[in-house]
Amino acid sequence: MEIIVHYPKDKHGLNILCKQVAIQHGEFVYSYLNKLDLSTEQKIAIIEGIEDMLK
């Protein structure tokens, strides 16, 4: 299988791509957490743990 990827050619396009990737990743994490059988407090603790790791 051959996959062709067209990257943005300028800084503005790259910034848009980065924002879209971040949005998709955030939506995935949100969806995954919603499927878990955890309390709201536990889900918040997970999100806060992720935030702390990113600082």
Protein backbone atom coordinates (compact mmCIF):
# COMPACT_ATOMS: atom_id res chain seq x y z
CA MET A 1 0.00 0.00 0.00
CA GLU A 2 1.30 3.43 -0.86
CA ILE A 3 0.24 6.50 1.07
CA ILE A 4 0.93 10.00 -0.18
CA VAL A 5 1.01 12.75 2.43
CA HIS A 6 0.89 16.43 1.47
CA TYR A 7 2.31 18.58 4.24
CA PRO A 8 1.56 22.28 4.48
CA LYS A 9 4.09 24.43 2.66
CA ASP A 10 3.90 27.47 4.92
CA LYS A 11 3.88 28.24 8.63
CA HIS A 12 0.18 29.21 8.65
CA GLY A 13 -0.83 25.88 7.13
CA LEU A 14 1.34 24.00 9.61
CA ASN A 15 -0.27 25.87 12.52
CA ILE A 16 -3.73 24.93 11.25
CA LEU A 17 -2.68 21.29 10.90
CA CYS A 18 -1.29 21.26 14.45
CA LYS A 19 -4.51 22.73 15.84
CA GLN A 20 -6.64 20.19 13.98
CA VAL A 21 -4.50 17.30 15.23
CA ALA A 22 -4.82 18.62 18.80
CA ILE A 23 -8.60 18.90 18.44
CA GLN A 24 -8.89 15.34 17.13
CA HIS A 25 -6.67 14.02 19.91
CA GLY A 26 -8.73 15.84 22.55
CA GLU A 27 -11.96 14.45 21.12
CA PHE A 28 -10.50 10.94 21.19
CA VAL A 29 -9.47 11.26 24.85
CA TYR A 30 -12.90 12.69 25.74
CA SER A 31 -14.67 9.85 23.93
CA TYR A 32 -12.44 7.22 25.54
CA LEU A 33 -13.01 8.60 29.04
CA ASN A 34 -16.77 8.68 28.51
CA LYS A 35 -16.75 4.96 27.73
CA LEU A 36 -14.94 4.07 30.95
CA ASP A 37 -16.97 2.87 33.91
CA LEU A 38 -15.60 5.50 36.28
CA SER A 39 -17.11 8.20 38.44
CA THR A 40 -16.98 11.81 37.34
CA GLU A 41 -14.42 12.51 40.07
CA GLN A 42 -12.15 9.75 38.76
CA LYS A 43 -12.41 11.07 35.20
CA ILE A 44 -11.56 14.58 36.41
CA ALA A 45 -8.56 13.18 38.28
CA ILE A 46 -7.33 11.53 35.07
CA ILE A 47 -7.70 14.76 33.09
CA GLU A 48 -5.91 16.74 35.81
CA GLY A 49 -3.13 14.13 35.83
CA ILE A 50 -2.72 14.56 32.08
CA GLU A 51 -2.61 18.34 32.49
CA ASP A 52 0.06 18.04 35.19
CA MET A 53 2.20 15.81 32.96
CA LEU A 54 2.03 18.34 30.13
CA LYS A 55 3.25 21.24 32.28
